[in-house]
Structures are given as structure tokens and as C-alpha cells.
Amino acid sequence: MTRPHFSVSLIAGLIGFIVIVLIGAACGNDDNVGDTSSPTDMGETPGDAPASSQYVTTGGNELPADPSGITLLTHDSFALSDETLATFTAQTGIEVTLLQAGDTGTMVSEAILTAGNPLGDVMFGVDNTFLARTLNAELFEPYESPNLADVPDIFKLDPQNRVTPIDFGDVCINYWTDALPADPPTTLEDLTAPEFADQLVVQNPETSSPGLAFLLATIAGTDDWEQFWADLADNGVAVTAGWEDAYYGEFISGGGDRSMVVSYASSPPAEVIYASSPIDTPPTGVLLDSCFRQIEFAGVLSGTDHPAEAQALIDFMLTPTFQDDVPLNMFVFPVANTATLPQVFGEHAQIADDPLFVDPADIEAHRDEWTDRWVEIVLG
């Protein structure tokens, strides 16, 4: 199978973006994620508006002088510092209520069932593995944020701007350096070698987002993905329902005996941050040849009664106030080139130069076929 990849120009754009954020990180420290004020002119607050003014301005939008509160529909992994959404409310007068609806698949299903009469006003957390499903269901109203000018084109997968890229992360094989029975693997095919027998744990792609991402990585990155998985099964691969059971169960980090696990390129800095005793070097490495890129999006839900307020929240998600808060809360990378990475990310996180990628439309068209076949090969 031909390996799908981003074009040279797109890769160059991403590399340029990485250089920018890493330069910013070099100026920071472990305790400073970045400037918590937004350089974007959020305009007047409702309290500053003249009594005769009908609107106040924020991020290019006109808001009612007395804006309404809105609901942010998101997945259970959404996390921010308490002060971040408080800053948005202070700048706009808009209160944000979080509605967490399970994992991404559950959230998308709920949104489709309530299309046109949405559970919230903005939905955050749709990634490229579910993107086509949401667009086919017409869940979002088109909106082009002025702050998209700060986002490299590589992250913009919808030319109609029904969704806005907010963050990205790479799902990759992680390995415990001191426990590997051989030199670290450098290719996906290395994982099937006899020296790595009974060393890898993966997640079921039917029940796990990183599990699905890794399945897609193998479809994009091997000549015969079905044979690859048959070889993995013969080599003693273990399967869990979700990431936590894999990383903190079977993998060495959680006391298990497996030296390799499907996780994220941002897991090494997490190992440093949450180490029981201070460490300078993460105990884990990343197989960059295995990385599948996940991009998370937000969008204004069709049928919202508060479109201006919803658009303002989309704008805010691309400001440094929000973008700088993402890495240490959700352990993903910000998309805006105005963001500043925390130092621990700059030092220990790795980003694949040529991440594996499958077109969202192909994912939607073949997801069930691919996962059903995976079950037959690995669990059958």
C-alpha cells in the first residue's frame, strides 16, 4: 500500500510552526505555560459599553450588549485551568457551561441524534477520525474565525470552515527504554520481530480512540496491514479496551510487564511531570515511524440560539490564553503559531516530521469494514 503523507510544502509549514513554538518554549520555564493574557484585541467588555450601544465587539464578532451564556459540548478528556474560561467570561460577559458527553464517539452520536436542536452551542473535541461523520450530518454552521490567520494550513481540513482546528497530537508506539529486550524499534515492521514477542500492548480500535488511530497508522504505513496484524497476533500482542488499561495496566509504567504501548508523543513529558521522584529524562521513547496525527476541532452547532456568543468562544480558543493552557491539561499541542509551549514539552515531547494520515472521508467510508476485519484477525 502506498503510504499517505502530507506534501512537502505542508511538512515545511509544520516544521516552521514547531520551530516557532520551541523558540518560545526556550524563553519559558516549567511553571509558566505562557502569557495568560490574550494579545488578540477582545474589545470592550459589556461593562465598558456606552449605555446607548447595542453591541460590544470581541475577536471580530458583534455581541449583544447583554450576551447570553452558552454551553460547550465536549468529551470527558477536556480539561483547562479554572482561570482560562473565567478570562473569557471577564472579557465578554459570556458564561460557559461545560457538558461532557463521554468519549468522542459517544459525543458525536449524541450530537447527531439532536441535530438541529443541539445540546449545546459549541462542540469541541471532534478529531479527524470522526470529522467526515459530523460534516455529513451537517452538525456545524460555517464560521471563519479571524484568528485562523495564526493557524498553519496543514491543520485546516475543512475548506468550508464548518470546524476550526484547535489542537493536535500524535498517537505513537511508546517504549520503556530500560526494559526493551533489544535496540528500540525504528519501523512498524520491527514490532513483529521475534525479539519483541509479548512486549506490545494496544487498544481495541472499536472501543478506543488511540486504538483506532494506531489501526489507521498501520493501514497508512504498511504494505499489507492485514498481514501486519496477523504477524503481531502471532508475536503475542496484548489488547485492552482503552488507553488507561494499557498504559497503567499492561505497560511497565503502571506495573505491568510489557515494554511497548500505543500512547502519545506527549507521554514522555507526562512521565517527567508526574514522576514520583524528580527526573530530568523521561524513561520512555517514541517510535516516530508509527505516529498517526489526530487534529481536534471545534465548531458552532447548527441550531444554536446564540451564534455570536458561540463564534466568540471559537475565536477565544485560538488565542494564547486558551492555546497556552492546552499542553499541560490535555497533553496535546496547540495549533496557533502564537502559542508558547511549556519548557517540559519543548525538551521532551517529540513531533513526527512525516506523520501517518488517512483522509477523513476514507475513514468514514471504511471504519466498520476495517475494524471488523481487525477483530477477525486479532481477536477471532
Protein backbone atom coordinates (compact mmCIF):
# COMPACT_ATOMS: atom_id res chain seq x y z
CA MET A 1 0.00 0.00 0.00
CA THR A 2 1.28 3.47 -0.84
CA ARG A 3 1.95 5.39 2.33
CA PRO A 4 -0.22 8.53 2.51
CA HIS A 5 1.68 11.57 3.68
CA PHE A 6 1.48 15.33 3.80
CA SER A 7 3.03 17.18 0.87
CA VAL A 8 6.49 18.69 1.18
CA SER A 9 5.05 22.19 1.43
CA LEU A 10 2.72 21.16 4.26
CA ILE A 11 5.52 19.43 6.13
CA ALA A 12 7.66 22.52 5.74
CA GLY A 13 4.87 24.60 7.18
CA LEU A 14 4.56 22.32 10.19
CA ILE A 15 8.32 22.32 10.77
CA GLY A 16 8.27 26.11 10.69
CA PHE A 17 5.45 26.10 13.21
CA ILE A 18 7.36 23.74 15.51
CA VAL A 19 10.43 25.97 15.35
CA ILE A 20 8.34 28.95 16.39
CA VAL A 21 6.79 27.24 19.41
CA LEU A 22 10.08 25.69 20.52
CA ILE A 23 11.83 29.05 20.35
CA GLY A 24 9.04 30.37 22.52
CA ALA A 25 9.44 27.46 24.90
CA ALA A 26 13.12 28.20 25.33
CA CYS A 27 12.15 31.53 26.81
CA GLY A 28 9.80 29.97 29.34
CA ASN A 29 10.11 27.76 32.40
CA ASP A 30 8.37 24.73 33.85
CA ASP A 31 5.96 26.85 35.87
CA ASN A 32 4.95 29.19 33.05
CA VAL A 33 2.84 27.79 30.24
CA GLY A 34 2.88 31.19 28.59
CA ASP A 35 1.44 34.66 28.91
CA THR A 36 -2.08 34.19 30.24
CA SER A 37 -3.25 37.43 28.69
CA SER A 38 -4.54 37.39 25.14
CA PRO A 39 -2.80 39.62 22.57
CA THR A 40 -5.97 39.48 20.50
CA ASP A 41 -7.94 42.67 20.95
CA MET A 42 -11.07 41.36 22.61
CA GLY A 43 -12.54 44.88 22.53
CA GLU A 44 -14.80 46.42 25.12
CA THR A 45 -16.41 44.41 27.86
CA PRO A 46 -20.14 44.76 28.45
CA GLY A 47 -19.44 46.97 31.42
CA ASP A 48 -17.46 49.36 29.24
CA ALA A 49 -20.09 49.71 26.52
CA PRO A 50 -21.90 53.04 26.35
CA ALA A 51 -25.48 52.86 27.59
CA SER A 52 -26.74 53.59 24.07
CA SER A 53 -24.61 50.87 22.43
CA GLN A 54 -26.44 47.76 21.22
CA TYR A 55 -23.28 45.71 20.65
CA VAL A 56 -19.84 45.14 22.05
CA THR A 57 -17.03 43.73 19.93
CA THR A 58 -14.90 40.69 20.65
CA GLY A 59 -12.48 38.93 18.33
CA GLY A 60 -14.14 40.29 15.20
CA ASN A 61 -17.69 39.45 16.33
CA GLU A 62 -20.50 41.71 17.36
CA LEU A 63 -22.11 40.55 20.59
CA PRO A 64 -25.36 41.71 22.14
CA ALA A 65 -24.69 44.24 24.89
CA ASP A 66 -26.05 41.67 27.33
CA PRO A 67 -24.69 38.42 25.87
CA SER A 68 -26.20 35.09 26.80
CA GLY A 69 -24.47 32.19 28.47
CA ILE A 70 -23.59 29.25 26.24
CA THR A 71 -22.95 25.51 26.60
CA LEU A 72 -19.76 23.85 25.42
CA LEU A 73 -20.39 20.23 24.46
CA THR A 74 -17.18 18.22 24.77
CA HIS A 75 -15.67 14.83 25.58
CA ASP A 76 -14.67 13.59 29.02
CA SER A 77 -10.95 14.26 28.41
CA PHE A 78 -11.48 18.01 28.09
CA ALA A 79 -9.53 19.91 30.75
CA LEU A 80 -8.45 23.51 31.28
CA SER A 81 -7.14 25.62 34.11
CA ASP A 82 -10.00 27.21 36.05
CA GLU A 83 -8.91 30.72 35.14
CA THR A 84 -8.98 30.19 31.38
CA LEU A 85 -12.74 30.17 30.79
CA ALA A 86 -13.04 32.74 33.58
CA THR A 87 -10.87 35.02 31.45
CA PHE A 88 -13.22 34.54 28.51
CA THR A 89 -16.19 35.45 30.72
CA ALA A 90 -14.38 38.52 32.07
CA GLN A 91 -13.61 39.70 28.54
CA THR A 92 -17.01 39.03 27.01
CA GLY A 93 -19.58 38.66 29.76
CA ILE A 94 -20.42 35.20 28.39
CA GLU A 95 -20.70 32.39 30.94
CA VAL A 96 -19.69 28.96 29.63
CA THR A 97 -21.29 25.77 30.93
CA LEU A 98 -19.46 22.53 30.19
CA LEU A 99 -21.42 19.47 29.10
CA GLN A 100 -19.15 16.43 28.88
CA ALA A 101 -20.74 13.59 26.92
CA GLY A 102 -18.39 10.63 27.24
CA ASP A 103 -15.73 9.75 24.69
CA THR A 104 -15.53 11.35 21.26
CA GLY A 105 -17.65 8.69 19.57
CA THR A 106 -20.41 8.99 22.17
CA MET A 107 -20.33 12.78 21.94
CA VAL A 108 -20.65 12.71 18.17
CA SER A 109 -23.51 10.21 18.33
CA GLU A 110 -25.39 12.37 20.83
CA ALA A 111 -24.87 15.43 18.65
CA ILE A 112 -26.20 13.63 15.57
CA LEU A 113 -29.29 12.44 17.46
CA THR A 114 -30.03 16.05 18.48
CA ALA A 115 -29.00 17.73 15.20
CA GLY A 116 -30.89 20.98 14.66
CA ASN A 117 -31.88 21.11 18.32
CA PRO A 118 -28.40 20.87 19.81
CA LEU A 119 -27.44 20.02 23.36
CA GLY A 120 -25.00 22.94 23.31
CA ASP A 121 -23.83 25.91 21.29
CA VAL A 122 -20.23 24.86 20.54
CA MET A 123 -18.81 21.37 20.27
CA PHE A 124 -15.12 20.75 20.97
CA GLY A 125 -13.17 17.54 20.51
CA VAL A 126 -14.14 16.15 17.12
CA ASP A 127 -10.96 14.77 15.58
CA ASN A 128 -10.14 13.75 12.03
CA THR A 129 -11.26 10.16 12.69
CA PHE A 130 -14.85 11.41 13.20
CA LEU A 131 -14.70 14.59 11.13
CA ALA A 132 -16.43 13.30 8.00
CA ARG A 133 -19.27 11.85 10.06
CA THR A 134 -20.04 15.23 11.65
CA LEU A 135 -19.79 17.10 8.35
CA ASN A 136 -22.05 14.59 6.59
CA ALA A 137 -24.59 15.08 9.38
CA GLU A 138 -24.40 18.88 8.91
CA LEU A 139 -23.80 19.42 12.60
CA PHE A 140 -21.98 22.74 12.26
CA GLU A 141 -22.58 26.23 10.92
CA PRO A 142 -19.72 27.63 8.78
CA TYR A 143 -17.63 30.20 10.60
CA GLU A 144 -14.21 31.54 9.65
CA SER A 145 -12.55 32.96 12.73
CA PRO A 146 -10.22 35.90 12.12
CA ASN A 147 -7.74 34.07 14.36
CA LEU A 148 -7.40 31.29 11.77
CA ALA A 149 -4.74 33.53 10.24
CA ASP A 150 -2.49 32.29 13.09
CA VAL A 151 -3.02 28.60 12.20
CA PRO A 152 -0.90 26.81 9.56
CA ASP A 153 -2.88 25.47 6.63
CA ILE A 154 -1.77 21.91 7.43
CA PHE A 155 -4.38 21.77 10.19
CA LYS A 156 -7.31 23.13 8.15
CA LEU A 157 -9.09 20.06 6.84
CA ASP A 158 -12.47 21.66 6.06
CA PRO A 159 -12.34 24.36 3.34
CA GLN A 160 -15.85 25.50 4.32
CA ASN A 161 -14.69 26.25 7.90
CA ARG A 162 -17.53 24.35 9.49
CA VAL A 163 -14.96 23.26 12.05
CA THR A 164 -11.92 25.11 13.39
CA PRO A 165 -8.67 23.31 14.31
CA ILE A 166 -7.74 23.81 17.97
CA ASP A 167 -5.03 21.28 18.91
CA PHE A 168 -3.21 18.22 17.62
CA GLY A 169 -1.40 15.18 18.92
CA ASP A 170 0.42 12.17 17.54
CA VAL A 171 -0.62 8.65 18.56
CA CYS A 172 2.56 6.55 18.51
CA ILE A 173 4.21 3.48 19.96
CA ASN A 174 5.91 4.36 23.25
CA TYR A 175 8.58 2.12 24.74
CA TRP A 176 10.18 1.82 28.17
CA THR A 177 13.83 2.37 27.32
CA ASP A 178 15.46 0.30 30.07
CA ALA A 179 13.13 -2.67 29.62
CA LEU A 180 13.37 -3.27 25.88
CA PRO A 181 14.78 -6.72 25.08
CA ALA A 182 16.59 -5.28 22.03
CA ASP A 183 17.50 -1.95 20.44
CA PRO A 184 14.46 0.34 20.09
CA PRO A 185 12.29 -0.36 17.03
CA THR A 186 12.60 2.14 14.18
CA THR A 187 9.82 0.94 11.86
CA LEU A 188 6.35 -0.54 12.27
CA GLU A 189 7.60 -3.83 10.83
CA ASP A 190 10.15 -4.07 13.65
CA LEU A 191 7.26 -4.67 16.06
CA THR A 192 6.69 -8.11 14.54
CA ALA A 193 10.29 -9.25 15.12
CA PRO A 194 10.82 -12.25 17.45
CA GLU A 195 12.88 -10.18 19.89
CA PHE A 196 9.77 -8.12 20.65
CA ALA A 197 7.48 -11.09 21.28
CA ASP A 198 4.97 -10.49 24.10
CA GLN A 199 6.18 -6.88 24.51
CA LEU A 200 3.47 -4.77 22.85
CA VAL A 201 0.06 -3.78 24.20
CA VAL A 202 -2.50 -1.99 22.02
CA GLN A 203 -6.09 -0.80 22.43
CA ASN A 204 -9.13 -2.20 20.67
CA PRO A 205 -9.98 0.18 17.78
CA GLU A 206 -13.69 -0.48 18.31
CA THR A 207 -13.60 0.97 21.83
CA SER A 208 -10.56 3.25 21.94
CA SER A 209 -9.58 6.44 20.10
CA PRO A 210 -5.81 5.75 20.23
CA GLY A 211 -6.56 2.14 19.29
CA LEU A 212 -8.35 3.31 16.15
CA ALA A 213 -5.58 5.81 15.41
CA PHE A 214 -2.95 3.07 15.57
CA LEU A 215 -5.00 0.82 13.31
CA LEU A 216 -5.14 3.70 10.83
CA ALA A 217 -1.38 4.17 11.20
CA THR A 218 -0.84 0.57 10.15
CA ILE A 219 -3.24 0.93 7.22
CA ALA A 220 -1.35 4.01 6.04
CA GLY A 221 2.15 2.86 6.93
CA THR A 222 2.43 -0.80 5.89
CA ASP A 223 2.20 -2.54 2.52
CA ASP A 224 -0.25 -5.15 3.87
CA TRP A 225 -1.91 -4.09 7.09
CA GLU A 226 -3.88 -7.31 7.49
CA GLN A 227 -0.73 -9.42 7.33
CA PHE A 228 0.99 -6.98 9.68
CA TRP A 229 -1.71 -7.53 12.30
CA ALA A 230 -1.63 -11.29 11.79
CA ASP A 231 2.11 -11.15 12.45
CA LEU A 232 1.54 -9.02 15.56
CA ALA A 233 -1.02 -11.51 16.84
CA ASP A 234 1.45 -14.34 16.29
CA ASN A 235 4.05 -12.27 18.14
CA GLY A 236 1.94 -12.08 21.29
CA VAL A 237 0.37 -8.60 21.09
CA ALA A 238 -1.94 -7.85 24.05
CA VAL A 239 -5.21 -5.93 23.59
CA THR A 240 -7.09 -3.79 26.12
CA ALA A 241 -10.39 -1.92 25.87
CA GLY A 242 -8.86 1.52 26.47
CA TRP A 243 -5.72 3.60 26.93
CA GLU A 244 -5.73 3.57 30.73
CA ASP A 245 -5.92 -0.23 30.92
CA ALA A 246 -3.00 -0.43 28.51
CA TYR A 247 -0.71 2.29 29.86
CA TYR A 248 -1.37 1.83 33.57
CA GLY A 249 -2.13 -1.88 33.41
CA GLU A 250 -0.12 -3.94 30.93
CA PHE A 251 2.66 -1.38 30.31
CA ILE A 252 5.62 -1.10 32.66
CA SER A 253 4.65 2.44 33.69
CA GLY A 254 1.68 1.02 35.58
CA GLY A 255 3.42 -2.05 36.95
CA GLY A 256 2.85 -4.37 34.00
CA ASP A 257 5.47 -6.37 32.15
CA ARG A 258 5.11 -5.03 28.60
CA SER A 259 7.79 -2.65 27.35
CA MET A 260 5.81 -1.12 24.45
CA VAL A 261 2.37 0.51 24.32
CA VAL A 262 0.21 2.58 21.98
CA SER A 263 0.14 6.04 23.53
CA TYR A 264 1.04 9.61 22.54
CA ALA A 265 4.15 11.52 21.52
CA SER A 266 3.40 13.74 24.52
CA SER A 267 3.59 10.86 27.01
CA PRO A 268 7.34 11.30 27.73
CA PRO A 269 6.89 14.81 29.18
CA ALA A 270 3.97 13.47 31.24
CA GLU A 271 6.32 10.85 32.68
CA VAL A 272 8.67 13.67 33.74
CA ILE A 273 5.93 15.86 35.20
CA TYR A 274 4.23 13.08 37.18
CA ALA A 275 7.31 11.14 38.25
CA SER A 276 7.15 10.12 41.92
CA SER A 277 10.71 11.44 42.32
CA PRO A 278 12.13 14.31 40.21
CA ILE A 279 13.74 13.16 36.96
CA ASP A 280 15.42 15.06 34.13
CA THR A 281 15.00 12.46 31.39
CA PRO A 282 11.81 10.54 30.59
CA PRO A 283 12.04 6.75 30.89
CA THR A 284 10.09 6.37 27.66
CA GLY A 285 10.86 6.89 23.99
CA VAL A 286 8.67 7.21 20.90
CA LEU A 287 8.68 5.25 17.64
CA LEU A 288 8.14 8.21 15.31
CA ASP A 289 7.59 5.97 12.27
CA SER A 290 4.36 4.76 13.92
CA CYS A 291 2.72 8.14 14.57
CA PHE A 292 -0.79 8.91 13.37
CA ARG A 293 -1.78 12.57 13.60
CA GLN A 294 -5.02 13.48 15.37
CA ILE A 295 -6.30 17.02 14.96
CA GLU A 296 -9.09 18.22 17.25
CA PHE A 297 -11.66 20.72 16.08
CA ALA A 298 -14.39 22.93 17.50
CA GLY A 299 -17.47 24.18 15.72
CA VAL A 300 -20.63 26.23 16.16
CA LEU A 301 -23.51 23.77 16.39
CA SER A 302 -26.29 24.29 13.85
CA GLY A 303 -29.48 25.47 15.51
CA THR A 304 -27.79 27.36 18.34
CA ASP A 305 -29.79 30.30 19.67
CA HIS A 306 -26.55 32.15 20.41
CA PRO A 307 -24.42 32.16 17.25
CA ALA A 308 -22.49 35.36 18.03
CA GLU A 309 -21.53 34.13 21.50
CA ALA A 310 -20.57 30.72 20.07
CA GLN A 311 -18.36 32.36 17.45
CA ALA A 312 -16.69 34.43 20.14
CA LEU A 313 -15.77 31.24 22.00
CA ILE A 314 -14.27 29.77 18.82
CA ASP A 315 -12.18 32.94 18.47
CA PHE A 316 -11.05 32.66 22.08
CA MET A 317 -9.93 29.05 21.61
CA LEU A 318 -7.30 30.30 19.15
CA THR A 319 -5.88 32.99 21.44
CA PRO A 320 -2.72 32.38 23.50
CA THR A 321 -4.81 32.39 26.69
CA PHE A 322 -6.50 29.17 25.58
CA GLN A 323 -3.78 27.71 23.38
CA ASP A 324 -1.05 28.04 26.01
CA ASP A 325 -3.25 26.23 28.53
CA VAL A 326 -3.79 23.15 26.37
CA PRO A 327 -0.47 21.24 26.65
CA LEU A 328 -0.28 20.68 30.40
CA ASN A 329 -4.01 19.99 30.77
CA MET A 330 -4.80 17.74 27.80
CA PHE A 331 -1.23 16.83 26.76
CA VAL A 332 -1.73 17.85 23.17
CA PHE A 333 -0.09 20.57 21.09
CA PRO A 334 -1.66 23.95 20.28
CA VAL A 335 -2.23 24.74 16.60
CA ALA A 336 -1.75 28.52 16.68
CA ASN A 337 1.71 29.81 15.88
CA THR A 338 1.18 32.49 18.54
CA ALA A 339 1.22 29.82 21.28
CA THR A 340 4.12 29.16 23.64
CA LEU A 341 4.93 25.60 24.65
CA PRO A 342 5.84 24.91 28.28
CA GLN A 343 9.52 24.12 28.67
CA VAL A 344 8.94 20.48 29.60
CA PHE A 345 7.16 19.98 26.26
CA GLY A 346 9.92 21.69 24.33
CA GLU A 347 12.51 19.48 25.96
CA HIS A 348 10.82 16.08 25.97
CA ALA A 349 7.87 15.92 23.54
CA GLN A 350 8.51 14.67 20.03
CA ILE A 351 6.64 15.54 16.85
CA ALA A 352 6.76 13.30 13.80
CA ASP A 353 8.14 15.08 10.73
CA ASP A 354 6.02 12.92 8.42
CA PRO A 355 3.04 11.66 10.42
CA LEU A 356 0.81 8.96 9.02
CA PHE A 357 -2.53 10.17 7.75
CA VAL A 358 -5.74 8.78 6.27
CA ASP A 359 -8.26 11.04 4.58
CA PRO A 360 -11.25 11.61 6.91
CA ALA A 361 -13.67 10.62 4.12
CA ASP A 362 -11.86 7.28 3.71
CA ILE A 363 -12.02 6.72 7.46
CA GLU A 364 -15.75 7.28 7.48
CA ALA A 365 -16.30 5.08 4.43
CA HIS A 366 -14.24 2.13 5.69
CA ARG A 367 -14.20 2.39 9.51
CA ASP A 368 -16.59 -0.51 10.15
CA GLU A 369 -15.03 -2.66 7.46
CA TRP A 370 -11.52 -2.09 8.84
CA THR A 371 -12.42 -2.62 12.49
CA ASP A 372 -14.47 -5.73 11.72
CA ARG A 373 -11.55 -7.19 9.82
CA TRP A 374 -9.18 -6.25 12.67
CA VAL A 375 -11.40 -8.17 15.12
CA GLU A 376 -11.35 -11.23 12.88
CA ILE A 377 -7.55 -11.16 12.61
CA VAL A 378 -6.57 -10.27 16.16
CA LEU A 379 -9.43 -11.46 18.37
CA GLY A 380 -11.04 -14.09 16.18
